[in-house]
Amino acid sequence: MDQVAFLGHATTLVDLAGTRVLTDPILRDRMLHLQRHGPSPRPEHSAGLDAVLLSHLHHDHLDIPSLRRLDPDIPLVVPAGARPALRKLGTRDIRELRVGETAEIGNLEVTAVRADHSGRRALGPEADAVGYVLRESGDAGRSVYFAGDTDIHDEMDQLGDLDLALIPVWGWGPSLGPGHLDPERAAAATALLRPRVAVPIHWGTFYPRVMHRWKPEPLRDPPHRYATESARVAPDTEVRILQPGETTGVG
């Protein structure tokens, strides 16, 4: 069955055409000054994977301790230039993609697409941030867009027919820096992308420790603001709000 699970933040499990792909895995409950809110990913979420997709080098998307929990034989698909950030993992099957390039993963064609976001890792290397379009091989195959982290940009309307889009609608704190989508800009991006179904991600999972006690709104409000605005500017797209750990079908 073709389906997508939202595991929290930008971590999703895409099961499409019999191929299982994990995106930007954060599998632990504490990371730097951030604490997880909601259930942790379960072991079965990282079992039987065909690949892991990494969108960029920021610590909340490329987490070395989480990658060490995975089978070392699983291919890592990463932006071109990201290999030095993964040197602590030792020898791995690392496939670097530039925007427009495609890797064959199981029954899928995985294409790196533009993301409008910084790709520099703090005190480390720099590589372009990317998103990915996953398409089932063949003319009638289904497709899923994983945005990673991005701001809105004009090329979003050139990604082709999309069955489902995983759209970031917030971040990990009470405010957003440049290169991110807030709920309203995420809705505008959805209008450009025109997917049949959109699932808001990158919200309500990691938050600075104890801050939720006096500013809880970013942990709960962004997907609902996004759904309301999307109904206005992208009425042909069905928005499905998933809590971490929940799954929906593709299309």
Protein backbone atom coordinates (compact mmCIF):
# COMPACT_ATOMS: atom_id res chain seq x y z
CA MET A 1 0.00 0.00 0.00
CA ASP A 2 1.33 3.44 -0.94
CA GLN A 3 1.45 5.56 2.20
CA VAL A 4 3.37 8.21 4.11
CA ALA A 5 3.98 8.40 7.85
CA PHE A 6 4.81 11.69 9.59
CA LEU A 7 7.32 10.82 12.31
CA GLY A 8 7.97 14.36 13.49
CA HIS A 9 9.80 17.47 12.31
CA ALA A 10 11.08 16.66 8.78
CA THR A 11 11.27 12.91 9.39
CA THR A 12 8.80 11.01 7.24
CA LEU A 13 8.57 7.45 5.99
CA VAL A 14 7.48 7.19 2.37
CA ASP A 15 6.33 3.73 1.28
CA LEU A 16 5.72 4.00 -2.46
CA ALA A 17 5.66 1.28 -5.13
CA GLY A 18 7.11 -1.20 -2.63
CA THR A 19 10.09 1.06 -1.87
CA ARG A 20 10.63 2.45 1.64
CA VAL A 21 12.43 5.78 2.02
CA LEU A 22 13.11 7.72 5.23
CA THR A 23 13.63 11.48 5.08
CA ASP A 24 15.87 13.61 7.32
CA PRO A 25 15.78 11.13 10.21
CA ILE A 26 15.83 12.49 13.75
CA LEU A 27 15.30 9.36 15.83
CA ARG A 28 16.32 10.55 19.29
CA ASP A 29 14.32 12.59 21.78
CA ARG A 30 16.87 15.29 22.62
CA MET A 31 19.06 17.17 20.20
CA LEU A 32 21.26 20.05 21.27
CA HIS A 33 18.91 22.37 23.22
CA LEU A 34 15.77 20.85 21.72
CA GLN A 35 13.41 18.31 23.25
CA ARG A 36 10.90 16.10 21.45
CA HIS A 37 7.20 16.60 22.07
CA GLY A 38 5.12 13.62 21.03
CA PRO A 39 5.93 9.95 20.43
CA SER A 40 9.35 8.77 19.34
CA PRO A 41 9.74 6.96 16.01
CA ARG A 42 9.32 3.22 16.52
CA PRO A 43 11.93 0.64 15.43
CA GLU A 44 9.68 -0.62 12.65
CA HIS A 45 9.77 2.81 11.05
CA SER A 46 13.44 2.33 10.21
CA ALA A 47 13.23 -1.35 9.26
CA GLY A 48 13.52 -2.57 5.69
CA LEU A 49 14.57 0.77 4.28
CA ASP A 50 15.73 1.12 0.69
CA ALA A 51 17.27 4.58 1.16
CA VAL A 52 17.55 7.62 3.39
CA LEU A 53 17.13 11.10 1.89
CA LEU A 54 18.94 14.04 3.45
CA SER A 55 17.80 17.47 2.30
CA HIS A 56 20.60 19.61 3.77
CA LEU A 57 23.27 19.80 6.44
CA HIS A 58 21.55 21.62 9.31
CA HIS A 59 21.62 19.67 12.56
CA ASP A 60 17.84 19.28 12.72
CA HIS A 61 17.90 17.51 9.33
CA LEU A 62 21.26 15.71 9.27
CA ASP A 63 21.71 14.10 12.69
CA ILE A 64 24.74 11.82 12.89
CA PRO A 65 23.61 9.95 16.07
CA SER A 66 20.32 9.11 14.37
CA LEU A 67 22.05 7.90 11.21
CA ARG A 68 24.23 5.62 13.32
CA ARG A 69 21.08 3.82 14.48
CA LEU A 70 20.33 2.74 10.92
CA ASP A 71 21.68 -0.21 8.97
CA PRO A 72 25.01 0.99 7.52
CA ASP A 73 24.20 -0.68 4.21
CA ILE A 74 21.27 1.66 3.54
CA PRO A 75 22.13 4.13 0.74
CA LEU A 76 22.18 7.80 1.70
CA VAL A 77 20.97 10.23 -0.96
CA VAL A 78 22.39 13.68 -0.21
CA PRO A 79 23.01 17.06 -1.88
CA ALA A 80 26.25 17.37 -3.83
CA GLY A 81 29.02 18.44 -1.47
CA ALA A 82 27.49 16.83 1.63
CA ARG A 83 29.91 13.91 1.87
CA PRO A 84 32.39 15.66 4.25
CA ALA A 85 29.59 16.14 6.79
CA LEU A 86 29.11 12.36 6.85
CA ARG A 87 32.75 11.34 7.31
CA LYS A 88 32.11 10.24 10.92
CA LEU A 89 29.88 7.48 9.59
CA GLY A 90 32.77 5.79 7.82
CA THR A 91 32.41 4.16 4.42
CA ARG A 92 28.81 4.24 3.23
CA ASP A 93 26.86 4.11 -0.01
CA ILE A 94 26.52 7.89 -0.41
CA ARG A 95 24.88 9.20 -3.56
CA GLU A 96 25.31 12.92 -4.10
CA LEU A 97 22.79 14.70 -6.32
CA ARG A 98 22.75 18.17 -7.80
CA VAL A 99 19.46 19.88 -8.56
CA GLY A 100 17.92 18.11 -11.55
CA GLU A 101 19.85 14.86 -11.08
CA THR A 102 18.08 11.55 -10.38
CA ALA A 103 18.95 8.38 -8.47
CA GLU A 104 17.24 5.03 -8.99
CA ILE A 105 16.06 3.69 -5.62
CA GLY A 106 14.12 0.43 -5.78
CA ASN A 107 11.06 1.11 -7.92
CA LEU A 108 11.44 4.88 -7.63
CA GLU A 109 13.17 7.68 -9.44
CA VAL A 110 14.36 10.20 -6.83
CA THR A 111 15.12 13.65 -8.27
CA ALA A 112 16.77 16.48 -6.36
CA VAL A 113 14.91 19.77 -6.79
CA ARG A 114 15.63 23.32 -5.75
CA ALA A 115 15.15 24.50 -2.16
CA ASP A 116 15.51 28.15 -1.20
CA HIS A 117 17.42 27.63 2.06
CA SER A 118 20.94 27.88 3.42
CA GLY A 119 22.98 24.70 3.13
CA ARG A 120 25.81 25.54 5.54
CA ARG A 121 26.36 23.33 8.57
CA ALA A 122 27.42 25.20 11.70
CA LEU A 123 31.23 25.05 11.95
CA GLY A 124 31.27 22.62 9.05
CA PRO A 125 30.96 22.16 5.29
CA GLU A 126 28.46 23.75 2.94
CA ALA A 127 26.26 22.08 0.34
CA ASP A 128 23.16 23.28 -1.44
CA ALA A 129 19.87 22.51 0.26
CA VAL A 130 17.50 20.45 -1.90
CA GLY A 131 14.08 18.90 -1.89
CA TYR A 132 13.20 15.62 -3.57
CA VAL A 133 10.49 14.36 -5.90
CA LEU A 134 9.92 10.62 -5.65
CA ARG A 135 8.17 9.08 -8.65
CA GLU A 136 7.18 5.52 -9.28
CA SER A 137 8.87 4.28 -12.43
CA GLY A 138 6.50 4.29 -15.40
CA ASP A 139 4.14 6.78 -16.96
CA ALA A 140 1.25 6.22 -14.54
CA GLY A 141 3.27 6.07 -11.33
CA ARG A 142 2.44 8.06 -8.23
CA SER A 143 4.63 10.87 -6.95
CA VAL A 144 5.57 12.45 -3.61
CA TYR A 145 7.37 15.76 -3.06
CA PHE A 146 9.48 16.18 0.08
CA ALA A 147 10.42 19.84 0.47
CA GLY A 148 13.03 19.55 3.23
CA ASP A 149 13.45 23.19 4.30
CA THR A 150 12.65 25.93 1.82
CA ASP A 151 11.08 29.29 1.27
CA ILE A 152 8.65 29.78 -1.59
CA HIS A 153 10.18 30.11 -5.08
CA ASP A 154 8.90 30.27 -8.64
CA GLU A 155 10.22 26.87 -9.69
CA MET A 156 7.69 25.13 -7.47
CA ASP A 157 5.17 25.28 -10.28
CA GLN A 158 7.49 23.25 -12.52
CA LEU A 159 7.64 20.01 -10.49
CA GLY A 160 4.93 18.32 -12.50
CA ASP A 161 1.96 16.25 -11.43
CA LEU A 162 2.17 15.54 -7.67
CA ASP A 163 -0.02 13.13 -5.75
CA LEU A 164 1.22 14.21 -2.31
CA ALA A 165 3.41 17.03 -1.03
CA LEU A 166 5.14 17.12 2.35
CA ILE A 167 5.20 20.84 3.13
CA PRO A 168 7.13 22.48 6.01
CA VAL A 169 4.90 24.95 7.85
CA TRP A 170 7.07 26.02 10.80
CA GLY A 171 10.36 25.19 12.54
CA TRP A 172 11.68 24.23 15.97
CA GLY A 173 11.24 27.47 17.92
CA PRO A 174 8.87 30.35 18.66
CA SER A 175 9.95 32.26 15.53
CA LEU A 176 11.31 31.57 12.05
CA GLY A 177 14.49 32.68 10.34
CA PRO A 178 14.97 33.23 6.60
CA GLY A 179 14.55 30.31 4.23
CA HIS A 180 11.51 28.83 5.96
CA LEU A 181 7.80 28.66 5.26
CA ASP A 182 5.28 29.88 7.79
CA PRO A 183 1.67 28.66 7.44
CA GLU A 184 0.61 31.44 5.09
CA ARG A 185 3.65 31.17 2.81
CA ALA A 186 3.32 27.38 2.88
CA ALA A 187 -0.23 27.76 1.60
CA ALA A 188 1.01 30.04 -1.20
CA ALA A 189 3.62 27.40 -2.05
CA THR A 190 0.88 24.79 -2.16
CA ALA A 191 -0.99 26.89 -4.69
CA LEU A 192 2.10 26.77 -6.92
CA LEU A 193 2.73 23.05 -6.40
CA ARG A 194 -0.91 21.95 -6.94
CA PRO A 195 -0.63 18.54 -5.27
CA ARG A 196 -3.74 16.42 -4.83
CA VAL A 197 -2.92 16.01 -1.12
CA ALA A 198 -0.67 18.05 1.16
CA VAL A 199 0.63 17.02 4.58
CA PRO A 200 2.13 19.74 6.79
CA ILE A 201 5.45 18.77 8.38
CA HIS A 202 8.28 20.49 10.29
CA TRP A 203 6.08 21.57 13.20
CA GLY A 204 5.15 20.57 16.72
CA THR A 205 7.96 18.11 17.42
CA PHE A 206 11.18 19.72 18.63
CA TYR A 207 11.14 22.82 20.79
CA PRO A 208 13.59 24.50 23.17
CA ARG A 209 13.45 22.86 26.57
CA VAL A 210 10.78 24.21 28.95
CA MET A 211 9.79 26.99 26.53
CA HIS A 212 6.50 25.19 25.85
CA ARG A 213 5.37 26.16 29.34
CA TRP A 214 4.94 29.82 28.41
CA LYS A 215 4.75 29.82 24.59
CA PRO A 216 3.05 26.62 23.42
CA GLU A 217 1.34 28.02 20.30
CA PRO A 218 4.05 27.00 17.77
CA LEU A 219 3.68 23.40 18.93
CA ARG A 220 0.02 23.18 17.96
CA ASP A 221 -1.21 26.05 15.78
CA PRO A 222 0.83 26.07 12.50
CA PRO A 223 -0.82 23.13 10.67
CA HIS A 224 -4.29 24.45 11.41
CA ARG A 225 -3.39 27.96 10.21
CA TYR A 226 -1.93 26.31 7.11
CA ALA A 227 -5.05 24.27 6.44
CA THR A 228 -7.27 27.33 6.78
CA GLU A 229 -5.17 29.42 4.41
CA SER A 230 -4.74 26.56 1.93
CA ALA A 231 -8.51 26.16 1.72
CA ARG A 232 -8.61 29.77 0.57
CA VAL A 233 -5.68 29.92 -1.90
CA ALA A 234 -5.33 26.25 -2.97
CA PRO A 235 -8.87 24.84 -2.71
CA ASP A 236 -8.19 21.91 -5.06
CA THR A 237 -5.61 20.45 -2.65
CA GLU A 238 -6.78 18.29 0.24
CA VAL A 239 -4.83 19.07 3.42
CA ARG A 240 -4.37 16.18 5.84
CA ILE A 241 -2.99 17.06 9.26
CA LEU A 242 -1.10 14.14 10.79
CA GLN A 243 0.12 13.93 14.35
CA PRO A 244 3.61 12.42 14.75
CA GLY A 245 3.35 8.69 14.18
CA GLU A 246 0.22 8.86 12.03
CA THR A 247 0.00 7.57 8.45
CA THR A 248 -2.00 8.48 5.37
CA GLY A 249 -2.37 7.03 1.92
CA VAL A 250 -0.76 8.60 -1.13
CA GLY A 251 -3.39 10.23 -3.29
